[in-house]
Amino acid sequence: MPVYEFFCPECRKKSSFLVRSASSFEPKCSKCGSPNVSRVISTFAYHKSITTIHEESGEPSRHPSADYYKDPRNIGRWAEKKFKDMGMEMPGEIQQKIQAAREGELPESVKDLQSASPDASYS
């Protein structure tokens, strides 16, 4: 099932549609609803292997800024490295939590902190 992208000249918004059957598909702007849309060349995704990502971003010690950990692919890298350095296999539960965090699912204990003010004090 391809994704088609269309541009609306009325509101100047690009809309993307997952199309199951091109024969019955009639695109409309997802913002203003106009049927006056033009198909545009879609962007494409290039997925890198986790090895390539690690090679490009380097070791965490080389990245002192917090921006390094804003990339979800780097979540858990330190723990994974430590287990590997010790010749131990990381427990499956930890691997699952790291993978879930990389996909955007935060643990319950962290979800509570998302709405907290940075100036809040905890006792």
N, C-alpha and C. Protein backbone atom coordinates (compact mmCIF):
# COMPACT_ATOMS: atom_id res chain seq x y z
N MET A 1 0.84 -1.17 0.00
CA MET A 1 0.00 0.00 0.00
C MET A 1 0.89 1.24 0.00
N PRO A 2 0.85 1.99 -1.06
CA PRO A 2 1.71 3.17 -1.16
C PRO A 2 1.14 4.38 -0.41
N VAL A 3 2.03 5.30 -0.11
CA VAL A 3 1.64 6.58 0.47
C VAL A 3 1.78 7.61 -0.63
N TYR A 4 0.70 8.32 -0.90
CA TYR A 4 0.71 9.38 -1.91
C TYR A 4 0.64 10.72 -1.21
N GLU A 5 1.33 11.71 -1.76
CA GLU A 5 1.32 13.05 -1.19
C GLU A 5 0.73 14.02 -2.21
N PHE A 6 -0.08 14.96 -1.68
CA PHE A 6 -0.74 15.94 -2.51
C PHE A 6 -0.56 17.32 -1.90
N PHE A 7 -0.49 18.34 -2.78
CA PHE A 7 -0.34 19.72 -2.36
C PHE A 7 -1.63 20.47 -2.66
N CYS A 8 -2.09 21.26 -1.68
CA CYS A 8 -3.29 22.06 -1.85
C CYS A 8 -2.88 23.51 -2.11
N PRO A 9 -3.19 24.06 -3.29
CA PRO A 9 -2.82 25.44 -3.58
C PRO A 9 -3.65 26.46 -2.80
N GLU A 10 -4.80 26.04 -2.29
CA GLU A 10 -5.67 26.97 -1.55
C GLU A 10 -5.13 27.28 -0.16
N CYS A 11 -4.73 26.25 0.59
CA CYS A 11 -4.22 26.49 1.95
C CYS A 11 -2.71 26.23 2.05
N ARG A 12 -2.10 25.80 0.95
CA ARG A 12 -0.66 25.57 0.85
C ARG A 12 -0.17 24.49 1.81
N LYS A 13 -0.98 23.46 2.02
CA LYS A 13 -0.62 22.34 2.89
C LYS A 13 -0.38 21.09 2.07
N LYS A 14 0.61 20.30 2.49
CA LYS A 14 0.86 19.01 1.86
C LYS A 14 0.19 17.94 2.72
N SER A 15 -0.54 17.04 2.08
CA SER A 15 -1.23 15.96 2.78
C SER A 15 -0.72 14.63 2.27
N SER A 16 -0.61 13.66 3.18
CA SER A 16 -0.17 12.31 2.84
C SER A 16 -1.30 11.33 3.08
N PHE A 17 -1.45 10.38 2.16
CA PHE A 17 -2.53 9.40 2.25
C PHE A 17 -1.97 8.00 2.01
N LEU A 18 -2.34 7.06 2.88
CA LEU A 18 -2.03 5.65 2.68
C LEU A 18 -3.17 5.11 1.82
N VAL A 19 -2.85 4.68 0.60
CA VAL A 19 -3.88 4.31 -0.37
C VAL A 19 -3.94 2.79 -0.51
N ARG A 20 -5.12 2.26 -0.22
CA ARG A 20 -5.31 0.81 -0.33
C ARG A 20 -5.73 0.42 -1.74
N SER A 21 -6.52 1.27 -2.38
CA SER A 21 -6.97 1.00 -3.74
C SER A 21 -6.96 2.30 -4.52
N ALA A 22 -6.07 2.43 -5.46
CA ALA A 22 -5.93 3.66 -6.23
C ALA A 22 -7.14 3.93 -7.11
N SER A 23 -7.88 2.90 -7.49
CA SER A 23 -9.01 3.09 -8.40
C SER A 23 -10.17 3.84 -7.75
N SER A 24 -10.35 3.71 -6.43
CA SER A 24 -11.47 4.38 -5.77
C SER A 24 -11.03 5.55 -4.91
N PHE A 25 -9.78 5.98 -5.05
CA PHE A 25 -9.23 7.03 -4.21
C PHE A 25 -9.48 8.41 -4.82
N GLU A 26 -10.10 9.30 -4.04
CA GLU A 26 -10.33 10.68 -4.45
C GLU A 26 -9.74 11.59 -3.37
N PRO A 27 -8.55 12.12 -3.59
CA PRO A 27 -7.88 12.90 -2.55
C PRO A 27 -8.55 14.25 -2.29
N LYS A 28 -8.54 14.62 -1.02
CA LYS A 28 -9.00 15.94 -0.58
C LYS A 28 -8.00 16.45 0.44
N CYS A 29 -7.80 17.75 0.48
CA CYS A 29 -6.88 18.36 1.43
C CYS A 29 -7.31 18.01 2.85
N SER A 30 -6.36 17.55 3.65
CA SER A 30 -6.69 17.17 5.03
C SER A 30 -6.89 18.37 5.94
N LYS A 31 -6.50 19.57 5.47
CA LYS A 31 -6.68 20.77 6.29
C LYS A 31 -7.97 21.51 5.94
N CYS A 32 -8.16 21.81 4.64
CA CYS A 32 -9.33 22.62 4.26
C CYS A 32 -10.41 21.81 3.54
N GLY A 33 -10.11 20.57 3.16
CA GLY A 33 -11.10 19.71 2.51
C GLY A 33 -11.26 19.93 1.02
N SER A 34 -10.46 20.78 0.43
CA SER A 34 -10.58 21.07 -0.99
C SER A 34 -10.18 19.85 -1.83
N PRO A 35 -10.97 19.54 -2.87
CA PRO A 35 -10.58 18.45 -3.78
C PRO A 35 -9.58 18.92 -4.84
N ASN A 36 -9.28 20.22 -4.87
CA ASN A 36 -8.36 20.81 -5.83
C ASN A 36 -6.92 20.63 -5.35
N VAL A 37 -6.41 19.39 -5.41
CA VAL A 37 -5.06 19.10 -4.96
C VAL A 37 -4.25 18.51 -6.10
N SER A 38 -2.93 18.71 -6.04
CA SER A 38 -2.02 18.18 -7.06
C SER A 38 -1.07 17.19 -6.42
N ARG A 39 -0.85 16.09 -7.11
CA ARG A 39 0.06 15.09 -6.58
C ARG A 39 1.49 15.60 -6.69
N VAL A 40 2.27 15.37 -5.64
CA VAL A 40 3.67 15.80 -5.61
C VAL A 40 4.56 14.56 -5.45
N ILE A 41 5.82 14.72 -5.75
CA ILE A 41 6.77 13.63 -5.58
C ILE A 41 6.97 13.41 -4.09
N SER A 42 6.76 12.19 -3.67
CA SER A 42 6.86 11.86 -2.25
C SER A 42 8.31 11.76 -1.82
N THR A 43 8.53 12.08 -0.54
CA THR A 43 9.84 11.87 0.04
C THR A 43 10.01 10.38 0.32
N PHE A 44 11.21 9.96 0.60
CA PHE A 44 11.42 8.56 0.91
C PHE A 44 12.27 8.46 2.16
N ALA A 45 12.20 7.32 2.80
CA ALA A 45 12.95 7.09 4.02
C ALA A 45 14.18 6.24 3.72
N TYR A 46 15.23 6.56 4.40
CA TYR A 46 16.45 5.78 4.30
C TYR A 46 16.76 5.31 5.72
N HIS A 47 16.70 4.02 5.95
CA HIS A 47 16.92 3.48 7.28
C HIS A 47 18.34 2.96 7.41
N LYS A 48 19.01 3.41 8.46
CA LYS A 48 20.37 2.98 8.72
C LYS A 48 20.34 1.81 9.70
N SER A 49 21.34 0.99 9.62
CA SER A 49 21.46 -0.10 10.59
C SER A 49 21.87 0.49 11.94
N ILE A 50 21.59 -0.22 13.02
CA ILE A 50 21.97 0.27 14.34
C ILE A 50 23.49 0.38 14.44
N THR A 51 24.21 -0.48 13.74
CA THR A 51 25.68 -0.40 13.74
C THR A 51 26.14 0.90 13.11
N THR A 52 25.55 1.27 11.99
CA THR A 52 25.90 2.53 11.32
C THR A 52 25.58 3.73 12.20
N ILE A 53 24.44 3.69 12.85
CA ILE A 53 24.04 4.79 13.74
C ILE A 53 25.06 4.94 14.86
N HIS A 54 25.46 3.82 15.47
CA HIS A 54 26.44 3.87 16.55
C HIS A 54 27.79 4.36 16.05
N GLU A 55 28.19 3.93 14.87
CA GLU A 55 29.48 4.37 14.31
C GLU A 55 29.46 5.87 14.05
N GLU A 56 28.35 6.38 13.53
CA GLU A 56 28.26 7.81 13.21
C GLU A 56 28.17 8.68 14.44
N SER A 57 27.48 8.22 15.47
CA SER A 57 27.30 9.06 16.65
C SER A 57 28.41 8.87 17.68
N GLY A 58 29.16 7.78 17.57
CA GLY A 58 30.30 7.56 18.47
C GLY A 58 29.86 7.12 19.85
N GLU A 59 30.81 7.12 20.75
CA GLU A 59 30.56 6.70 22.13
C GLU A 59 29.92 7.84 22.91
N PRO A 60 29.08 7.53 23.89
CA PRO A 60 28.44 8.58 24.68
C PRO A 60 29.43 9.52 25.36
N SER A 61 30.59 9.02 25.75
CA SER A 61 31.57 9.87 26.43
C SER A 61 32.08 11.00 25.53
N ARG A 62 31.94 10.84 24.21
CA ARG A 62 32.38 11.87 23.27
C ARG A 62 31.33 12.97 23.09
N HIS A 63 30.18 12.78 23.68
CA HIS A 63 29.07 13.72 23.50
C HIS A 63 28.61 14.23 24.87
N PRO A 64 29.25 15.25 25.40
CA PRO A 64 28.90 15.72 26.73
C PRO A 64 27.54 16.42 26.80
N SER A 65 26.99 16.85 25.68
CA SER A 65 25.73 17.58 25.74
C SER A 65 24.55 16.63 25.87
N ALA A 66 23.45 17.15 26.38
CA ALA A 66 22.23 16.36 26.55
C ALA A 66 21.59 16.04 25.20
N ASP A 67 21.98 16.74 24.14
CA ASP A 67 21.40 16.50 22.81
C ASP A 67 21.66 15.08 22.34
N TYR A 68 22.78 14.50 22.75
CA TYR A 68 23.12 13.15 22.35
C TYR A 68 22.00 12.18 22.73
N TYR A 69 21.44 12.36 23.91
CA TYR A 69 20.41 11.45 24.41
C TYR A 69 19.02 11.83 23.95
N LYS A 70 18.88 12.92 23.23
CA LYS A 70 17.58 13.28 22.66
C LYS A 70 17.26 12.39 21.46
N ASP A 71 18.28 11.78 20.88
CA ASP A 71 18.06 10.84 19.79
C ASP A 71 17.67 9.52 20.43
N PRO A 72 16.42 9.06 20.21
CA PRO A 72 15.95 7.86 20.90
C PRO A 72 16.74 6.60 20.57
N ARG A 73 17.47 6.62 19.45
CA ARG A 73 18.27 5.45 19.10
C ARG A 73 19.42 5.26 20.08
N ASN A 74 19.79 6.31 20.82
CA ASN A 74 20.90 6.21 21.76
C ASN A 74 20.44 5.80 23.16
N ILE A 75 19.15 5.66 23.37
CA ILE A 75 18.64 5.24 24.67
C ILE A 75 19.17 3.84 24.97
N GLY A 76 19.74 3.67 26.12
CA GLY A 76 20.21 2.36 26.55
C GLY A 76 21.57 1.95 26.03
N ARG A 77 22.21 2.79 25.22
CA ARG A 77 23.50 2.39 24.65
C ARG A 77 24.55 2.14 25.72
N TRP A 78 24.57 2.98 26.76
CA TRP A 78 25.55 2.80 27.82
C TRP A 78 25.34 1.45 28.51
N ALA A 79 24.08 1.12 28.83
CA ALA A 79 23.78 -0.16 29.48
C ALA A 79 24.15 -1.34 28.58
N GLU A 80 23.81 -1.23 27.30
CA GLU A 80 24.15 -2.31 26.35
C GLU A 80 25.66 -2.50 26.28
N LYS A 81 26.40 -1.40 26.25
CA LYS A 81 27.86 -1.47 26.17
C LYS A 81 28.44 -2.11 27.42
N LYS A 82 27.93 -1.74 28.58
CA LYS A 82 28.46 -2.29 29.84
C LYS A 82 28.22 -3.79 29.92
N PHE A 83 27.03 -4.24 29.54
CA PHE A 83 26.76 -5.68 29.54
C PHE A 83 27.72 -6.40 28.60
N LYS A 84 27.92 -5.81 27.41
CA LYS A 84 28.82 -6.43 26.43
C LYS A 84 30.25 -6.47 26.95
N ASP A 85 30.72 -5.35 27.55
CA ASP A 85 32.08 -5.29 28.09
C ASP A 85 32.31 -6.34 29.18
N MET A 86 31.27 -6.65 29.94
CA MET A 86 31.40 -7.63 31.02
C MET A 86 31.18 -9.06 30.52
N GLY A 87 30.87 -9.20 29.22
CA GLY A 87 30.66 -10.52 28.66
C GLY A 87 29.36 -11.16 29.13
N MET A 88 28.41 -10.31 29.49
CA MET A 88 27.13 -10.81 29.99
C MET A 88 26.03 -10.52 28.98
N GLU A 89 25.01 -11.35 29.00
CA GLU A 89 23.85 -11.10 28.15
C GLU A 89 22.86 -10.24 28.93
N MET A 90 22.38 -9.19 28.29
CA MET A 90 21.42 -8.31 28.94
C MET A 90 20.09 -9.05 29.11
N PRO A 91 19.48 -8.97 30.30
CA PRO A 91 18.19 -9.63 30.51
C PRO A 91 17.14 -9.15 29.51
N GLY A 92 16.30 -10.07 29.07
CA GLY A 92 15.27 -9.76 28.07
C GLY A 92 14.35 -8.63 28.48
N GLU A 93 14.00 -8.56 29.77
CA GLU A 93 13.10 -7.50 30.25
C GLU A 93 13.72 -6.12 30.04
N ILE A 94 15.02 -6.01 30.30
CA ILE A 94 15.71 -4.73 30.10
C ILE A 94 15.78 -4.40 28.61
N GLN A 95 16.10 -5.40 27.78
CA GLN A 95 16.13 -5.19 26.33
C GLN A 95 14.78 -4.69 25.83
N GLN A 96 13.69 -5.28 26.33
CA GLN A 96 12.35 -4.87 25.91
C GLN A 96 12.06 -3.43 26.32
N LYS A 97 12.45 -3.05 27.54
CA LYS A 97 12.20 -1.68 28.00
C LYS A 97 13.01 -0.66 27.19
N ILE A 98 14.25 -1.01 26.87
CA ILE A 98 15.07 -0.12 26.05
C ILE A 98 14.45 0.03 24.67
N GLN A 99 14.04 -1.08 24.05
CA GLN A 99 13.44 -1.02 22.72
C GLN A 99 12.13 -0.21 22.75
N ALA A 100 11.32 -0.42 23.79
CA ALA A 100 10.06 0.34 23.92
C ALA A 100 10.35 1.84 24.04
N ALA A 101 11.38 2.19 24.81
CA ALA A 101 11.73 3.60 24.97
C ALA A 101 12.21 4.19 23.64
N ARG A 102 12.95 3.41 22.87
CA ARG A 102 13.42 3.88 21.56
C ARG A 102 12.25 4.12 20.62
N GLU A 103 11.17 3.38 20.81
CA GLU A 103 9.99 3.53 19.96
C GLU A 103 9.01 4.56 20.52
N GLY A 104 9.36 5.19 21.65
CA GLY A 104 8.54 6.26 22.19
C GLY A 104 7.67 5.89 23.38
N GLU A 105 7.72 4.66 23.84
CA GLU A 105 6.90 4.25 24.98
C GLU A 105 7.73 4.40 26.25
N LEU A 106 7.34 5.35 27.08
CA LEU A 106 8.11 5.62 28.29
C LEU A 106 7.62 4.74 29.45
N PRO A 107 8.53 4.37 30.34
CA PRO A 107 8.12 3.63 31.53
C PRO A 107 7.19 4.48 32.39
N GLU A 108 6.32 3.84 33.16
CA GLU A 108 5.35 4.56 33.99
C GLU A 108 6.02 5.59 34.89
N SER A 109 7.15 5.26 35.50
CA SER A 109 7.82 6.18 36.42
C SER A 109 8.28 7.46 35.72
N VAL A 110 8.59 7.39 34.43
CA VAL A 110 9.04 8.56 33.68
C VAL A 110 7.84 9.36 33.17
N LYS A 111 6.74 8.68 32.84
CA LYS A 111 5.55 9.37 32.34
C LYS A 111 5.06 10.40 33.34
N ASP A 112 5.17 10.09 34.64
CA ASP A 112 4.73 11.01 35.69
C ASP A 112 5.55 12.30 35.67
N LEU A 113 6.79 12.23 35.23
CA LEU A 113 7.67 13.39 35.24
C LEU A 113 7.48 14.30 34.03
N GLN A 114 6.80 13.79 32.97
CA GLN A 114 6.65 14.58 31.76
C GLN A 114 5.90 15.88 31.99
N SER A 115 4.89 15.86 32.82
CA SER A 115 4.09 17.06 33.03
C SER A 115 4.65 17.93 34.15
N ALA A 116 5.71 17.51 34.80
CA ALA A 116 6.27 18.27 35.91
C ALA A 116 6.98 19.52 35.40
N SER A 117 6.92 20.54 36.20
CA SER A 117 7.62 21.77 35.89
C SER A 117 9.11 21.59 36.16
N PRO A 118 9.97 22.17 35.32
CA PRO A 118 11.42 22.04 35.58
C PRO A 118 11.83 22.71 36.88
N ASP A 119 10.99 23.62 37.38
CA ASP A 119 11.31 24.34 38.61
C ASP A 119 10.72 23.66 39.85
N ALA A 120 9.97 22.60 39.64
CA ALA A 120 9.30 21.93 40.76
C ALA A 120 10.32 21.29 41.67
N SER A 121 9.99 21.26 42.95
CA SER A 121 10.87 20.56 43.91
C SER A 121 10.17 19.30 44.36
N TYR A 122 10.94 18.29 44.58
CA TYR A 122 10.39 16.98 44.97
C TYR A 122 10.91 16.65 46.35
N SER A 123 10.01 16.14 47.17
CA SER A 123 10.46 15.77 48.53
C SER A 123 10.14 14.34 48.82
